[in-house]
Amino acid sequence: MKKITLLILLITSTLFSKEISTYFYADIQTQNEIKINLSKVGFNIIGSYDAMQDKNYKVIIYTSNILKKLANKQDRQFAAIGKILINKKDNILVFTNPKYFLTAFLQDDLNKALVSQVQNRLKAAFTLKPSTYSIDEDDLKSYHFMISMPYYEDMLDIASGDNLNQKLLKNHKDKIVFSLKLNNSTLYGIKMDTKGGEKDYISTLNQQKHSVLLPYLVIVNKHQAKILHPKYYLALSLPKLTMGEFMTIMDTPNDIENYFKSLFK
């Protein structure tokens, strides 16, 4: 009887599992074609760059009024953008799945109706195929890689004080891929083109195909700058990688933290 009950529970769990793909794939297009298709459904491009300093991997960052509305709450600013990778090496487009990352970033502030609008508009503009990278919807809201690893809310404070935006713009304008003003804060995408930076850790993990997770993001408000903990964000973005694989970049979380701290000195 116990075996039958266990079998029923396993079948029920499988039937009602809501796996959400981390990424979508589509046929390759030019940046101009992407811009036109995005604009038709209410998105606008706010930045682009060659990820890992490699012209084969162009990341495009876009936003919309809906995304900005969803992100205009305390510590939810990371939800304000989506990304598309023009992957010339594999001849495909790679998209961050809005539902996946918005579920992870918004948690209890998730507005499923608005998220569905974002998702549906993207699907109306492109023919999308889901990746095998995925996580259960319920697990996304409180995601962490394993016991003792950070959650979404365990962000790293990397700077405090006055004039943080001015410091970044004055001293490291060349590192800024995009900036997006939101209520009482600015979201930046920053390239890390240094030794131990994005080129090194992405290639070590052999994840160039998913370099759409770049550039790394930082929230800057009047007196504080913070980033998602790298041990959270990298694991969230690459959910199929094992602990052994992440151990090959064991110095990367500290390298990212120290790099962002250096930008505001």
C-alpha atoms as a PDB file:
ATOM      1  CA  MET A   1       0.000   0.000   0.000  1.00  0.00           C
ATOM      2  CA  LYS A   2       2.834   2.391   0.883  1.00  0.00           C
ATOM      3  CA  LYS A   3       4.516   1.677  -2.461  1.00  0.00           C
ATOM      4  CA  ILE A   4       1.270   2.442  -4.324  1.00  0.00           C
ATOM      5  CA  THR A   5       0.812   5.698  -2.407  1.00  0.00           C
ATOM      6  CA  LEU A   6       4.402   6.733  -3.134  1.00  0.00           C
ATOM      7  CA  LEU A   7       3.952   5.939  -6.822  1.00  0.00           C
ATOM      8  CA  ILE A   8       0.782   8.060  -6.953  1.00  0.00           C
ATOM      9  CA  LEU A   9       2.598  10.964  -5.297  1.00  0.00           C
ATOM     10  CA  LEU A  10       5.471  10.736  -7.791  1.00  0.00           C
ATOM     11  CA  ILE A  11       3.114  10.626 -10.773  1.00  0.00           C
ATOM     12  CA  THR A  12       1.069  13.541  -9.417  1.00  0.00           C
ATOM     13  CA  SER A  13       4.224  15.567  -8.810  1.00  0.00           C
ATOM     14  CA  THR A  14       5.377  14.953 -12.386  1.00  0.00           C
ATOM     15  CA  LEU A  15       1.996  15.816 -13.906  1.00  0.00           C
ATOM     16  CA  PHE A  16       1.721  19.116 -12.066  1.00  0.00           C
ATOM     17  CA  SER A  17       5.369  20.134 -12.265  1.00  0.00           C
ATOM     18  CA  LYS A  18       5.749  23.581 -13.825  1.00  0.00           C
ATOM     19  CA  GLU A  19       9.238  23.563 -15.264  1.00  0.00           C
ATOM     20  CA  ILE A  20      10.190  26.947 -16.720  1.00  0.00           C
ATOM     21  CA  SER A  21      12.939  27.094 -19.319  1.00  0.00           C
ATOM     22  CA  THR A  22      15.823  29.418 -18.570  1.00  0.00           C
ATOM     23  CA  TYR A  23      16.323  30.403 -22.210  1.00  0.00           C
ATOM     24  CA  PHE A  24      14.647  30.425 -25.602  1.00  0.00           C
ATOM     25  CA  TYR A  25      16.343  29.794 -28.945  1.00  0.00           C
ATOM     26  CA  ALA A  26      15.389  31.168 -32.368  1.00  0.00           C
ATOM     27  CA  ASP A  27      16.779  31.463 -35.879  1.00  0.00           C
ATOM     28  CA  ILE A  28      19.538  34.039 -36.161  1.00  0.00           C
ATOM     29  CA  GLN A  29      18.738  37.606 -37.211  1.00  0.00           C
ATOM     30  CA  THR A  30      20.686  40.826 -37.554  1.00  0.00           C
ATOM     31  CA  GLN A  31      20.596  43.426 -34.820  1.00  0.00           C
ATOM     32  CA  ASN A  32      18.489  45.700 -37.024  1.00  0.00           C
ATOM     33  CA  GLU A  33      15.970  42.919 -37.676  1.00  0.00           C
ATOM     34  CA  ILE A  34      15.758  42.255 -33.947  1.00  0.00           C
ATOM     35  CA  LYS A  35      15.239  45.954 -33.257  1.00  0.00           C
ATOM     36  CA  ILE A  36      12.365  46.136 -35.761  1.00  0.00           C
ATOM     37  CA  ASN A  37      10.684  42.997 -34.412  1.00  0.00           C
ATOM     38  CA  LEU A  38      11.017  44.139 -30.799  1.00  0.00           C
ATOM     39  CA  SER A  39       9.625  47.604 -31.540  1.00  0.00           C
ATOM     40  CA  LYS A  40       6.542  46.092 -33.173  1.00  0.00           C
ATOM     41  CA  VAL A  41       5.522  44.529 -29.846  1.00  0.00           C
ATOM     42  CA  GLY A  42       6.417  47.388 -27.511  1.00  0.00           C
ATOM     43  CA  PHE A  43      10.058  46.718 -26.605  1.00  0.00           C
ATOM     44  CA  ASN A  44      12.982  49.055 -27.151  1.00  0.00           C
ATOM     45  CA  ILE A  45      16.715  48.347 -27.186  1.00  0.00           C
ATOM     46  CA  ILE A  46      18.739  50.268 -24.587  1.00  0.00           C
ATOM     47  CA  GLY A  47      22.187  48.792 -25.150  1.00  0.00           C
ATOM     48  CA  SER A  48      24.372  46.169 -26.815  1.00  0.00           C
ATOM     49  CA  TYR A  49      27.955  44.943 -26.694  1.00  0.00           C
ATOM     50  CA  ASP A  50      30.321  42.131 -27.651  1.00  0.00           C
ATOM     51  CA  ALA A  51      30.190  39.775 -24.684  1.00  0.00           C
ATOM     52  CA  MET A  52      33.574  38.390 -23.579  1.00  0.00           C
ATOM     53  CA  GLN A  53      35.182  40.848 -26.048  1.00  0.00           C
ATOM     54  CA  ASP A  54      34.205  38.402 -28.793  1.00  0.00           C
ATOM     55  CA  LYS A  55      32.400  39.672 -31.905  1.00  0.00           C
ATOM     56  CA  ASN A  56      30.742  36.267 -32.317  1.00  0.00           C
ATOM     57  CA  TYR A  57      28.585  36.965 -29.253  1.00  0.00           C
ATOM     58  CA  LYS A  58      26.587  40.198 -29.383  1.00  0.00           C
ATOM     59  CA  VAL A  59      24.248  40.763 -26.413  1.00  0.00           C
ATOM     60  CA  ILE A  60      21.280  43.101 -26.889  1.00  0.00           C
ATOM     61  CA  ILE A  61      19.458  44.554 -23.889  1.00  0.00           C
ATOM     62  CA  TYR A  62      15.833  45.663 -24.147  1.00  0.00           C
ATOM     63  CA  THR A  63      13.102  47.007 -21.888  1.00  0.00           C
ATOM     64  CA  SER A  64       9.449  48.086 -22.052  1.00  0.00           C
ATOM     65  CA  ASN A  65       6.915  50.033 -20.032  1.00  0.00           C
ATOM     66  CA  ILE A  66       5.601  46.776 -18.560  1.00  0.00           C
ATOM     67  CA  LEU A  67       9.056  45.614 -17.499  1.00  0.00           C
ATOM     68  CA  LYS A  68       9.820  48.988 -15.905  1.00  0.00           C
ATOM     69  CA  LYS A  69       6.482  48.920 -14.091  1.00  0.00           C
ATOM     70  CA  LEU A  70       7.217  45.468 -12.698  1.00  0.00           C
ATOM     71  CA  ALA A  71      10.690  46.562 -11.576  1.00  0.00           C
ATOM     72  CA  ASN A  72       9.766  49.825  -9.874  1.00  0.00           C
ATOM     73  CA  LYS A  73       9.817  48.408  -6.354  1.00  0.00           C
ATOM     74  CA  GLN A  74      12.529  48.123  -3.737  1.00  0.00           C
ATOM     75  CA  ASP A  75      15.157  45.559  -4.781  1.00  0.00           C
ATOM     76  CA  ARG A  76      13.189  44.490  -7.873  1.00  0.00           C
ATOM     77  CA  GLN A  77      15.069  46.617 -10.390  1.00  0.00           C
ATOM     78  CA  PHE A  78      16.879  43.648 -11.932  1.00  0.00           C
ATOM     79  CA  ALA A  79      13.547  42.686 -13.503  1.00  0.00           C
ATOM     80  CA  ALA A  80      13.493  45.794 -15.720  1.00  0.00           C
ATOM     81  CA  ILE A  81      15.294  44.301 -18.708  1.00  0.00           C
ATOM     82  CA  GLY A  82      15.539  41.297 -21.000  1.00  0.00           C
ATOM     83  CA  LYS A  83      18.479  40.138 -23.090  1.00  0.00           C
ATOM     84  CA  ILE A  84      19.040  38.579 -26.504  1.00  0.00           C
ATOM     85  CA  LEU A  85      22.281  37.041 -27.737  1.00  0.00           C
ATOM     86  CA  ILE A  86      23.215  37.058 -31.413  1.00  0.00           C
ATOM     87  CA  ASN A  87      25.356  33.933 -31.387  1.00  0.00           C
ATOM     88  CA  LYS A  88      27.218  33.893 -34.690  1.00  0.00           C
ATOM     89  CA  LYS A  89      29.317  30.899 -33.646  1.00  0.00           C
ATOM     90  CA  ASP A  90      26.279  28.602 -33.352  1.00  0.00           C
ATOM     91  CA  ASN A  91      24.135  30.627 -35.789  1.00  0.00           C
ATOM     92  CA  ILE A  92      21.230  31.135 -33.358  1.00  0.00           C
ATOM     93  CA  LEU A  93      19.558  33.719 -31.168  1.00  0.00           C
ATOM     94  CA  VAL A  94      19.416  33.052 -27.437  1.00  0.00           C
ATOM     95  CA  PHE A  95      16.841  34.856 -25.261  1.00  0.00           C
ATOM     96  CA  THR A  96      16.546  35.121 -21.509  1.00  0.00           C
ATOM     97  CA  ASN A  97      13.089  33.725 -20.722  1.00  0.00           C
ATOM     98  CA  PRO A  98      11.125  36.610 -19.141  1.00  0.00           C
ATOM     99  CA  LYS A  99       8.941  34.280 -17.085  1.00  0.00           C
ATOM    100  CA  TYR A 100      11.971  32.495 -15.651  1.00  0.00           C
ATOM    101  CA  PHE A 101      13.952  35.537 -14.544  1.00  0.00           C
ATOM    102  CA  LEU A 102      10.941  37.643 -13.549  1.00  0.00           C
ATOM    103  CA  THR A 103       9.671  34.821 -11.336  1.00  0.00           C
ATOM    104  CA  ALA A 104      13.079  34.592  -9.673  1.00  0.00           C
ATOM    105  CA  PHE A 105      13.568  38.359  -9.291  1.00  0.00           C
ATOM    106  CA  LEU A 106      10.027  39.461  -8.367  1.00  0.00           C
ATOM    107  CA  GLN A 107       9.032  36.583  -6.060  1.00  0.00           C
ATOM    108  CA  ASP A 108       6.012  37.705  -3.970  1.00  0.00           C
ATOM    109  CA  ASP A 109       5.708  40.845  -6.127  1.00  0.00           C
ATOM    110  CA  LEU A 110       5.167  38.717  -9.226  1.00  0.00           C
ATOM    111  CA  ASN A 111       2.260  39.909 -11.350  1.00  0.00           C
ATOM    112  CA  LYS A 112       1.505  36.876 -13.497  1.00  0.00           C
ATOM    113  CA  ALA A 113      -0.820  38.767 -15.845  1.00  0.00           C
ATOM    114  CA  LEU A 114       1.829  41.356 -16.703  1.00  0.00           C
ATOM    115  CA  VAL A 115       4.549  38.721 -17.000  1.00  0.00           C
ATOM    116  CA  SER A 116       2.340  36.795 -19.418  1.00  0.00           C
ATOM    117  CA  GLN A 117       1.988  39.948 -21.509  1.00  0.00           C
ATOM    118  CA  VAL A 118       5.771  40.272 -21.727  1.00  0.00           C
ATOM    119  CA  GLN A 119       6.108  36.601 -22.626  1.00  0.00           C
ATOM    120  CA  ASN A 120       3.348  36.660 -25.232  1.00  0.00           C
ATOM    121  CA  ARG A 121       4.697  39.779 -26.935  1.00  0.00           C
ATOM    122  CA  LEU A 122       8.118  38.208 -27.250  1.00  0.00           C
ATOM    123  CA  LYS A 123       6.590  35.042 -28.697  1.00  0.00           C
ATOM    124  CA  ALA A 124       4.596  37.146 -31.151  1.00  0.00           C
ATOM    125  CA  ALA A 125       7.800  38.704 -32.464  1.00  0.00           C
ATOM    126  CA  PHE A 126       9.957  35.563 -32.674  1.00  0.00           C
ATOM    127  CA  THR A 127       9.507  31.811 -33.163  1.00  0.00           C
ATOM    128  CA  LEU A 128      10.948  30.541 -29.883  1.00  0.00           C
ATOM    129  CA  LYS A 129      12.087  27.091 -28.795  1.00  0.00           C
ATOM    130  CA  PRO A 130      12.647  26.411 -25.060  1.00  0.00           C
ATOM    131  CA  SER A 131      16.044  25.353 -23.747  1.00  0.00           C
ATOM    132  CA  THR A 132      16.551  22.219 -21.674  1.00  0.00           C
ATOM    133  CA  TYR A 133      17.876  24.429 -18.888  1.00  0.00           C
ATOM    134  CA  SER A 134      14.907  24.844 -16.536  1.00  0.00           C
ATOM    135  CA  ILE A 135      13.739  25.022 -12.918  1.00  0.00           C
ATOM    136  CA  ASP A 136      10.356  24.353 -11.324  1.00  0.00           C
ATOM    137  CA  GLU A 137       8.280  27.520 -10.975  1.00  0.00           C
ATOM    138  CA  ASP A 138       7.821  27.154  -7.212  1.00  0.00           C
ATOM    139  CA  ASP A 139      11.548  26.633  -6.702  1.00  0.00           C
ATOM    140  CA  LEU A 140      12.391  29.763  -8.688  1.00  0.00           C
ATOM    141  CA  LYS A 141      10.711  32.065  -6.184  1.00  0.00           C
ATOM    142  CA  SER A 142      13.056  30.955  -3.418  1.00  0.00           C
ATOM    143  CA  TYR A 143      15.920  29.681  -5.523  1.00  0.00           C
ATOM    144  CA  HIS A 144      19.305  28.851  -4.125  1.00  0.00           C
ATOM    145  CA  PHE A 145      21.826  26.388  -5.480  1.00  0.00           C
ATOM    146  CA  MET A 146      22.043  24.294  -2.320  1.00  0.00           C
ATOM    147  CA  ILE A 147      22.144  24.534   1.471  1.00  0.00           C
ATOM    148  CA  SER A 148      24.214  27.492   2.742  1.00  0.00           C
ATOM    149  CA  MET A 149      24.247  29.129  -0.700  1.00  0.00           C
ATOM    150  CA  PRO A 150      22.792  32.653  -1.174  1.00  0.00           C
ATOM    151  CA  TYR A 151      19.235  33.571  -2.133  1.00  0.00           C
ATOM    152  CA  TYR A 152      18.045  36.471  -4.308  1.00  0.00           C
ATOM    153  CA  GLU A 153      17.766  38.764  -1.308  1.00  0.00           C
ATOM    154  CA  ASP A 154      21.383  38.104  -0.284  1.00  0.00           C
ATOM    155  CA  MET A 155      22.617  40.912  -2.507  1.00  0.00           C
ATOM    156  CA  LEU A 156      26.080  42.330  -2.037  1.00  0.00           C
ATOM    157  CA  ASP A 157      26.468  45.953  -0.991  1.00  0.00           C
ATOM    158  CA  ILE A 158      29.435  47.074  -3.030  1.00  0.00           C
ATOM    159  CA  ALA A 159      29.420  50.824  -2.361  1.00  0.00           C
ATOM    160  CA  SER A 160      27.783  53.423  -0.161  1.00  0.00           C
ATOM    161  CA  GLY A 161      27.956  57.177   0.098  1.00  0.00           C
ATOM    162  CA  ASP A 162      27.108  60.184  -2.029  1.00  0.00           C
ATOM    163  CA  ASN A 163      27.459  60.726  -5.778  1.00  0.00           C
ATOM    164  CA  LEU A 164      27.765  57.056  -6.709  1.00  0.00           C
ATOM    165  CA  ASN A 165      26.283  57.558 -10.169  1.00  0.00           C
ATOM    166  CA  GLN A 166      28.677  60.410 -10.808  1.00  0.00           C
ATOM    167  CA  LYS A 167      31.677  58.316  -9.718  1.00  0.00           C
ATOM    168  CA  LEU A 168      30.740  55.515 -12.077  1.00  0.00           C
ATOM    169  CA  LEU A 169      30.088  57.826 -15.016  1.00  0.00           C
ATOM    170  CA  LYS A 170      33.219  59.901 -14.455  1.00  0.00           C
ATOM    171  CA  ASN A 171      35.720  57.107 -13.881  1.00  0.00           C
ATOM    172  CA  HIS A 172      34.344  54.072 -15.727  1.00  0.00           C
ATOM    173  CA  LYS A 173      31.981  55.272 -18.430  1.00  0.00           C
ATOM    174  CA  ASP A 174      33.699  52.906 -20.882  1.00  0.00           C
ATOM    175  CA  LYS A 175      32.530  49.904 -18.817  1.00  0.00           C
ATOM    176  CA  ILE A 176      28.833  50.816 -19.008  1.00  0.00           C
ATOM    177  CA  VAL A 177      26.861  48.771 -21.538  1.00  0.00           C
ATOM    178  CA  PHE A 178      23.548  50.435 -20.681  1.00  0.00           C
ATOM    179  CA  SER A 179      21.878  52.522 -18.002  1.00  0.00           C
ATOM    180  CA  LEU A 180      18.175  52.615 -17.209  1.00  0.00           C
ATOM    181  CA  LYS A 181      16.627  55.139 -14.838  1.00  0.00           C
ATOM    182  CA  LEU A 182      13.873  53.794 -12.604  1.00  0.00           C
ATOM    183  CA  ASN A 183      12.089  55.219  -9.577  1.00  0.00           C
ATOM    184  CA  ASN A 184      14.801  56.446  -7.192  1.00  0.00           C
ATOM    185  CA  SER A 185      17.524  54.274  -8.759  1.00  0.00           C
ATOM    186  CA  THR A 186      19.456  53.464 -11.922  1.00  0.00           C
ATOM    187  CA  LEU A 187      20.110  49.986 -13.272  1.00  0.00           C
ATOM    188  CA  TYR A 188      23.426  49.532 -15.085  1.00  0.00           C
ATOM    189  CA  GLY A 189      24.843  46.724 -17.178  1.00  0.00           C
ATOM    190  CA  ILE A 190      28.615  46.581 -16.757  1.00  0.00           C
ATOM    191  CA  LYS A 191      31.155  44.716 -18.845  1.00  0.00           C
ATOM    192  CA  MET A 192      33.965  43.003 -16.962  1.00  0.00           C
ATOM    193  CA  ASP A 193      36.788  42.957 -19.490  1.00  0.00           C
ATOM    194  CA  THR A 194      39.557  42.298 -16.992  1.00  0.00           C
ATOM    195  CA  LYS A 195      41.708  39.290 -16.129  1.00  0.00           C
ATOM    196  CA  GLY A 196      39.429  36.805 -14.377  1.00  0.00           C
ATOM    197  CA  GLY A 197      36.431  38.587 -15.889  1.00  0.00           C
ATOM    198  CA  GLU A 198      33.561  37.414 -18.070  1.00  0.00           C
ATOM    199  CA  LYS A 199      35.731  36.051 -20.871  1.00  0.00           C
ATOM    200  CA  ASP A 200      37.627  33.830 -18.435  1.00  0.00           C
ATOM    201  CA  TYR A 201      34.809  32.440 -16.328  1.00  0.00           C
ATOM    202  CA  ILE A 202      32.359  31.905 -19.186  1.00  0.00           C
ATOM    203  CA  SER A 203      34.944  30.061 -21.277  1.00  0.00           C
ATOM    204  CA  THR A 204      36.101  27.988 -18.289  1.00  0.00           C
ATOM    205  CA  LEU A 205      32.511  26.827 -17.849  1.00  0.00           C
ATOM    206  CA  ASN A 206      32.207  26.367 -21.628  1.00  0.00           C
ATOM    207  CA  GLN A 207      29.004  28.444 -21.573  1.00  0.00           C
ATOM    208  CA  GLN A 208      29.618  30.855 -24.437  1.00  0.00           C
ATOM    209  CA  LYS A 209      26.277  29.769 -25.909  1.00  0.00           C
ATOM    210  CA  HIS A 210      24.557  31.181 -22.818  1.00  0.00           C
ATOM    211  CA  SER A 211      26.644  34.334 -22.453  1.00  0.00           C
ATOM    212  CA  VAL A 212      23.286  36.115 -22.765  1.00  0.00           C
ATOM    213  CA  LEU A 213      23.488  36.120 -18.938  1.00  0.00           C
ATOM    214  CA  LEU A 214      25.927  39.015 -19.453  1.00  0.00           C
ATOM    215  CA  PRO A 215      26.499  41.866 -18.785  1.00  0.00           C
ATOM    216  CA  TYR A 216      26.462  41.784 -15.002  1.00  0.00           C
ATOM    217  CA  LEU A 217      23.986  44.205 -13.426  1.00  0.00           C
ATOM    218  CA  VAL A 218      24.263  46.723 -10.611  1.00  0.00           C
ATOM    219  CA  ILE A 219      21.569  48.840  -8.932  1.00  0.00           C
ATOM    220  CA  VAL A 220      22.658  52.330  -7.906  1.00  0.00           C
ATOM    221  CA  ASN A 221      20.455  54.595  -5.819  1.00  0.00           C
ATOM    222  CA  LYS A 222      21.236  57.835  -4.049  1.00  0.00           C
ATOM    223  CA  HIS A 223      23.483  56.353  -1.370  1.00  0.00           C
ATOM    224  CA  GLN A 224      24.022  52.667  -2.203  1.00  0.00           C
ATOM    225  CA  ALA A 225      25.130  50.293  -4.973  1.00  0.00           C
ATOM    226  CA  LYS A 226      24.471  46.554  -4.940  1.00  0.00           C
ATOM    227  CA  ILE A 227      24.667  43.486  -7.130  1.00  0.00           C
ATOM    228  CA  LEU A 228      23.142  40.032  -7.064  1.00  0.00           C
ATOM    229  CA  HIS A 229      25.405  37.599  -5.266  1.00  0.00           C
ATOM    230  CA  PRO A 230      27.435  35.832  -7.998  1.00  0.00           C
ATOM    231  CA  LYS A 231      26.872  32.456  -6.335  1.00  0.00           C
ATOM    232  CA  TYR A 232      23.152  33.080  -6.773  1.00  0.00           C
ATOM    233  CA  TYR A 233      23.077  34.687 -10.204  1.00  0.00           C
ATOM    234  CA  LEU A 234      25.496  32.350 -11.975  1.00  0.00           C
ATOM    235  CA  ALA A 235      23.782  29.246 -10.600  1.00  0.00           C
ATOM    236  CA  LEU A 236      20.350  30.634 -11.501  1.00  0.00           C
ATOM    237  CA  SER A 237      21.529  31.408 -15.023  1.00  0.00           C
ATOM    238  CA  LEU A 238      23.215  28.034 -15.540  1.00  0.00           C
ATOM    239  CA  PRO A 239      20.993  25.598 -13.611  1.00  0.00           C
ATOM    240  CA  LYS A 240      22.361  22.414 -15.193  1.00  0.00           C
ATOM    241  CA  LEU A 241      25.922  22.931 -14.031  1.00  0.00           C
ATOM    242  CA  THR A 242      27.197  20.824 -11.144  1.00  0.00           C
ATOM    243  CA  MET A 243      29.037  21.885  -8.027  1.00  0.00           C
ATOM    244  CA  GLY A 244      32.174  20.376  -9.556  1.00  0.00           C
ATOM    245  CA  GLU A 245      31.823  22.592 -12.604  1.00  0.00           C
ATOM    246  CA  PHE A 246      31.290  25.685 -10.469  1.00  0.00           C
ATOM    247  CA  MET A 247      34.378  24.780  -8.449  1.00  0.00           C
ATOM    248  CA  THR A 248      36.426  25.463 -11.585  1.00  0.00           C
ATOM    249  CA  ILE A 249      35.545  29.158 -11.138  1.00  0.00           C
ATOM    250  CA  MET A 250      35.718  29.221  -7.347  1.00  0.00           C
ATOM    251  CA  ASP A 251      37.527  32.591  -7.385  1.00  0.00           C
ATOM    252  CA  THR A 252      34.981  34.224  -9.695  1.00  0.00           C
ATOM    253  CA  PRO A 253      32.419  35.365  -7.069  1.00  0.00           C
ATOM    254  CA  ASN A 254      35.116  37.284  -5.192  1.00  0.00           C
ATOM    255  CA  ASP A 255      36.568  38.607  -8.445  1.00  0.00           C
ATOM    256  CA  ILE A 256      33.157  39.973  -9.471  1.00  0.00           C
ATOM    257  CA  GLU A 257      32.534  41.526  -6.063  1.00  0.00           C
ATOM    258  CA  ASN A 258      35.967  43.177  -5.946  1.00  0.00           C
ATOM    259  CA  TYR A 259      35.648  44.411  -9.516  1.00  0.00           C
ATOM    260  CA  PHE A 260      32.362  46.166  -8.809  1.00  0.00           C
ATOM    261  CA  LYS A 261      33.711  47.662  -5.604  1.00  0.00           C
ATOM    262  CA  SER A 262      36.623  49.103  -7.591  1.00  0.00           C
ATOM    263  CA  LEU A 263      34.239  50.945  -9.916  1.00  0.00           C
ATOM    264  CA  PHE A 264      33.007  53.223  -7.130  1.00  0.00           C
ATOM    265  CA  LYS A 265      36.312  54.152  -5.488  1.00  0.00           C
END
